[in-house]
Protein backbone atom coordinates (compact mmCIF):
# COMPACT_ATOMS: atom_id res chain seq x y z
CA UNK A 1 0.00 0.00 0.00
CA UNK A 2 1.43 3.37 -1.04
CA UNK A 3 1.27 6.26 1.43
CA UNK A 4 0.08 9.46 -0.22
CA UNK A 5 1.97 12.63 0.69
CA UNK A 6 0.00 15.44 2.32
CA UNK A 7 0.18 18.59 0.19
CA UNK A 8 -3.16 20.35 0.60
CA UNK A 9 -6.18 21.27 2.65
CA UNK A 10 -8.40 18.51 1.29
CA UNK A 11 -11.72 20.05 2.36
CA UNK A 12 -11.16 23.17 0.24
CA UNK A 13 -8.62 21.69 -2.21
CA UNK A 14 -6.11 24.44 -1.35
CA UNK A 15 -2.53 23.32 -1.99
CA UNK A 16 0.12 24.15 0.55
CA UNK A 17 2.07 25.77 -2.31
CA UNK A 18 -0.79 28.22 -2.86
CA UNK A 19 -1.25 28.79 0.88
CA UNK A 20 2.49 29.42 1.29
CA UNK A 21 2.41 31.99 -1.55
CA UNK A 22 -0.61 33.74 -0.02
CA UNK A 23 0.97 33.80 3.43
CA UNK A 24 4.24 35.20 2.05
CA UNK A 25 2.59 37.82 -0.17
CA UNK A 26 0.44 39.15 2.66
CA UNK A 27 2.72 38.38 5.65
CA UNK A 28 0.05 36.19 7.25
CA UNK A 29 0.42 34.00 10.32
CA UNK A 30 -1.69 30.87 10.75
CA UNK A 31 -4.78 32.59 12.13
CA UNK A 32 -4.73 35.31 9.45
CA UNK A 33 -4.17 32.72 6.70
CA UNK A 34 -7.09 30.68 8.04
CA UNK A 35 -9.29 33.78 8.05
CA UNK A 36 -8.22 34.87 4.55
CA UNK A 37 -8.48 31.49 2.80
CA UNK A 38 -10.76 29.29 4.90
CA UNK A 39 -8.01 26.67 5.23
CA UNK A 40 -8.31 24.42 8.29
CA UNK A 41 -11.96 25.36 8.85
CA UNK A 42 -13.46 22.05 7.68
CA UNK A 43 -12.12 18.88 9.26
CA UNK A 44 -9.02 20.75 10.60
CA UNK A 45 -6.74 17.78 9.84
CA UNK A 46 -4.46 20.09 7.81
CA UNK A 47 -3.74 22.46 10.70
CA UNK A 48 -0.49 20.82 11.91
CA UNK A 49 0.76 20.63 8.32
CA UNK A 50 -0.04 24.29 7.63
CA UNK A 51 1.68 25.31 10.85
CA UNK A 52 4.74 23.26 9.84
CA UNK A 53 4.60 24.82 6.35
CA UNK A 54 4.63 28.31 7.83
CA UNK A 55 7.51 27.41 10.15
CA UNK A 56 9.67 25.51 7.65
CA UNK A 57 8.57 26.48 4.13
CA UNK A 58 8.01 22.81 3.30
CA UNK A 59 4.84 22.15 1.28
CA UNK A 60 4.70 18.35 1.00
CA UNK A 61 4.70 16.06 4.03
CA UNK A 62 4.55 12.42 4.99
CA UNK A 63 1.48 11.78 7.15
CA UNK A 64 2.12 12.73 10.77
CA UNK A 65 1.40 10.35 13.63
CA UNK A 66 -1.69 11.16 15.72
CA UNK A 67 -1.37 14.41 17.70
CA UNK A 68 -1.34 12.54 21.02
CA UNK A 69 2.06 11.07 20.12
CA UNK A 70 3.51 14.43 18.98
CA UNK A 71 4.00 16.66 22.05
CA UNK A 72 4.75 19.75 19.92
CA UNK A 73 1.26 19.52 18.40
CA UNK A 74 -0.60 18.94 21.67
CA UNK A 75 -2.74 21.77 23.05
CA UNK A 76 -1.11 23.88 25.75
CA UNK A 77 -1.58 22.69 29.31
CA UNK A 78 -4.56 24.14 31.08
CA UNK A 79 -4.06 26.73 33.77
CA UNK A 80 -3.48 25.40 37.27
CA UNK A 81 -6.48 25.46 39.55
CA UNK A 82 -6.85 28.53 41.71
CA UNK A 83 -5.99 27.84 45.30
CA UNK A 84 -8.41 28.96 47.98
CA UNK A 85 -6.68 30.88 50.80
CA UNK A 86 -6.57 29.07 54.12
CA UNK A 87 -8.33 30.72 57.11
C-alpha atoms as a PDB file:
ATOM      1  CA  UNK A   1       0.000   0.000   0.000  1.00  0.00           C
ATOM      2  CA  UNK A   2       1.432   3.369  -1.041  1.00  0.00           C
ATOM      3  CA  UNK A   3       1.265   6.264   1.429  1.00  0.00           C
ATOM      4  CA  UNK A   4       0.083   9.460  -0.221  1.00  0.00           C
ATOM      5  CA  UNK A   5       1.967  12.628   0.688  1.00  0.00           C
ATOM      6  CA  UNK A   6       0.002  15.441   2.317  1.00  0.00           C
ATOM      7  CA  UNK A   7       0.180  18.591   0.187  1.00  0.00           C
ATOM      8  CA  UNK A   8      -3.162  20.352   0.599  1.00  0.00           C
ATOM      9  CA  UNK A   9      -6.181  21.269   2.650  1.00  0.00           C
ATOM     10  CA  UNK A  10      -8.399  18.513   1.287  1.00  0.00           C
ATOM     11  CA  UNK A  11     -11.721  20.049   2.362  1.00  0.00           C
ATOM     12  CA  UNK A  12     -11.163  23.168   0.241  1.00  0.00           C
ATOM     13  CA  UNK A  13      -8.622  21.692  -2.215  1.00  0.00           C
ATOM     14  CA  UNK A  14      -6.108  24.436  -1.350  1.00  0.00           C
ATOM     15  CA  UNK A  15      -2.534  23.317  -1.993  1.00  0.00           C
ATOM     16  CA  UNK A  16       0.121  24.148   0.553  1.00  0.00           C
ATOM     17  CA  UNK A  17       2.066  25.767  -2.310  1.00  0.00           C
ATOM     18  CA  UNK A  18      -0.791  28.221  -2.861  1.00  0.00           C
ATOM     19  CA  UNK A  19      -1.245  28.794   0.879  1.00  0.00           C
ATOM     20  CA  UNK A  20       2.487  29.422   1.286  1.00  0.00           C
ATOM     21  CA  UNK A  21       2.411  31.986  -1.551  1.00  0.00           C
ATOM     22  CA  UNK A  22      -0.614  33.743  -0.025  1.00  0.00           C
ATOM     23  CA  UNK A  23       0.970  33.802   3.427  1.00  0.00           C
ATOM     24  CA  UNK A  24       4.237  35.197   2.046  1.00  0.00           C
ATOM     25  CA  UNK A  25       2.590  37.820  -0.171  1.00  0.00           C
ATOM     26  CA  UNK A  26       0.441  39.152   2.663  1.00  0.00           C
ATOM     27  CA  UNK A  27       2.725  38.383   5.655  1.00  0.00           C
ATOM     28  CA  UNK A  28       0.049  36.194   7.249  1.00  0.00           C
ATOM     29  CA  UNK A  29       0.419  34.004  10.319  1.00  0.00           C
ATOM     30  CA  UNK A  30      -1.689  30.866  10.753  1.00  0.00           C
ATOM     31  CA  UNK A  31      -4.778  32.592  12.130  1.00  0.00           C
ATOM     32  CA  UNK A  32      -4.727  35.305   9.454  1.00  0.00           C
ATOM     33  CA  UNK A  33      -4.169  32.719   6.699  1.00  0.00           C
ATOM     34  CA  UNK A  34      -7.085  30.680   8.039  1.00  0.00           C
ATOM     35  CA  UNK A  35      -9.294  33.784   8.052  1.00  0.00           C
ATOM     36  CA  UNK A  36      -8.222  34.868   4.548  1.00  0.00           C
ATOM     37  CA  UNK A  37      -8.484  31.491   2.800  1.00  0.00           C
ATOM     38  CA  UNK A  38     -10.756  29.292   4.902  1.00  0.00           C
ATOM     39  CA  UNK A  39      -8.012  26.667   5.233  1.00  0.00           C
ATOM     40  CA  UNK A  40      -8.314  24.422   8.286  1.00  0.00           C
ATOM     41  CA  UNK A  41     -11.958  25.358   8.851  1.00  0.00           C
ATOM     42  CA  UNK A  42     -13.458  22.054   7.679  1.00  0.00           C
ATOM     43  CA  UNK A  43     -12.119  18.877   9.263  1.00  0.00           C
ATOM     44  CA  UNK A  44      -9.018  20.754  10.597  1.00  0.00           C
ATOM     45  CA  UNK A  45      -6.741  17.784   9.838  1.00  0.00           C
ATOM     46  CA  UNK A  46      -4.464  20.085   7.811  1.00  0.00           C
ATOM     47  CA  UNK A  47      -3.735  22.463  10.698  1.00  0.00           C
ATOM     48  CA  UNK A  48      -0.490  20.818  11.911  1.00  0.00           C
ATOM     49  CA  UNK A  49       0.763  20.632   8.315  1.00  0.00           C
ATOM     50  CA  UNK A  50      -0.036  24.285   7.627  1.00  0.00           C
ATOM     51  CA  UNK A  51       1.678  25.309  10.847  1.00  0.00           C
ATOM     52  CA  UNK A  52       4.741  23.262   9.836  1.00  0.00           C
ATOM     53  CA  UNK A  53       4.595  24.817   6.349  1.00  0.00           C
ATOM     54  CA  UNK A  54       4.633  28.314   7.827  1.00  0.00           C
ATOM     55  CA  UNK A  55       7.512  27.411  10.155  1.00  0.00           C
ATOM     56  CA  UNK A  56       9.668  25.510   7.653  1.00  0.00           C
ATOM     57  CA  UNK A  57       8.574  26.482   4.132  1.00  0.00           C
ATOM     58  CA  UNK A  58       8.009  22.809   3.303  1.00  0.00           C
ATOM     59  CA  UNK A  59       4.836  22.145   1.284  1.00  0.00           C
ATOM     60  CA  UNK A  60       4.695  18.354   0.999  1.00  0.00           C
ATOM     61  CA  UNK A  61       4.695  16.058   4.033  1.00  0.00           C
ATOM     62  CA  UNK A  62       4.550  12.424   4.986  1.00  0.00           C
ATOM     63  CA  UNK A  63       1.483  11.780   7.153  1.00  0.00           C
ATOM     64  CA  UNK A  64       2.115  12.726  10.775  1.00  0.00           C
ATOM     65  CA  UNK A  65       1.402  10.351  13.629  1.00  0.00           C
ATOM     66  CA  UNK A  66      -1.691  11.161  15.716  1.00  0.00           C
ATOM     67  CA  UNK A  67      -1.369  14.407  17.696  1.00  0.00           C
ATOM     68  CA  UNK A  68      -1.337  12.542  21.019  1.00  0.00           C
ATOM     69  CA  UNK A  69       2.056  11.069  20.116  1.00  0.00           C
ATOM     70  CA  UNK A  70       3.506  14.431  18.977  1.00  0.00           C
ATOM     71  CA  UNK A  71       3.998  16.664  22.051  1.00  0.00           C
ATOM     72  CA  UNK A  72       4.748  19.747  19.922  1.00  0.00           C
ATOM     73  CA  UNK A  73       1.255  19.519  18.402  1.00  0.00           C
ATOM     74  CA  UNK A  74      -0.599  18.938  21.667  1.00  0.00           C
ATOM     75  CA  UNK A  75      -2.739  21.771  23.054  1.00  0.00           C
ATOM     76  CA  UNK A  76      -1.114  23.884  25.753  1.00  0.00           C
ATOM     77  CA  UNK A  77      -1.583  22.687  29.309  1.00  0.00           C
ATOM     78  CA  UNK A  78      -4.557  24.139  31.082  1.00  0.00           C
ATOM     79  CA  UNK A  79      -4.063  26.733  33.773  1.00  0.00           C
ATOM     80  CA  UNK A  80      -3.476  25.399  37.273  1.00  0.00           C
ATOM     81  CA  UNK A  81      -6.478  25.460  39.550  1.00  0.00           C
ATOM     82  CA  UNK A  82      -6.855  28.529  41.708  1.00  0.00           C
ATOM     83  CA  UNK A  83      -5.988  27.840  45.302  1.00  0.00           C
ATOM     84  CA  UNK A  84      -8.410  28.956  47.978  1.00  0.00           C
ATOM     85  CA  UNK A  85      -6.677  30.882  50.802  1.00  0.00           C
ATOM     86  CA  UNK A  86      -6.566  29.068  54.120  1.00  0.00           C
ATOM     87  CA  UNK A  87      -8.326  30.717  57.105  1.00  0.00           C
END
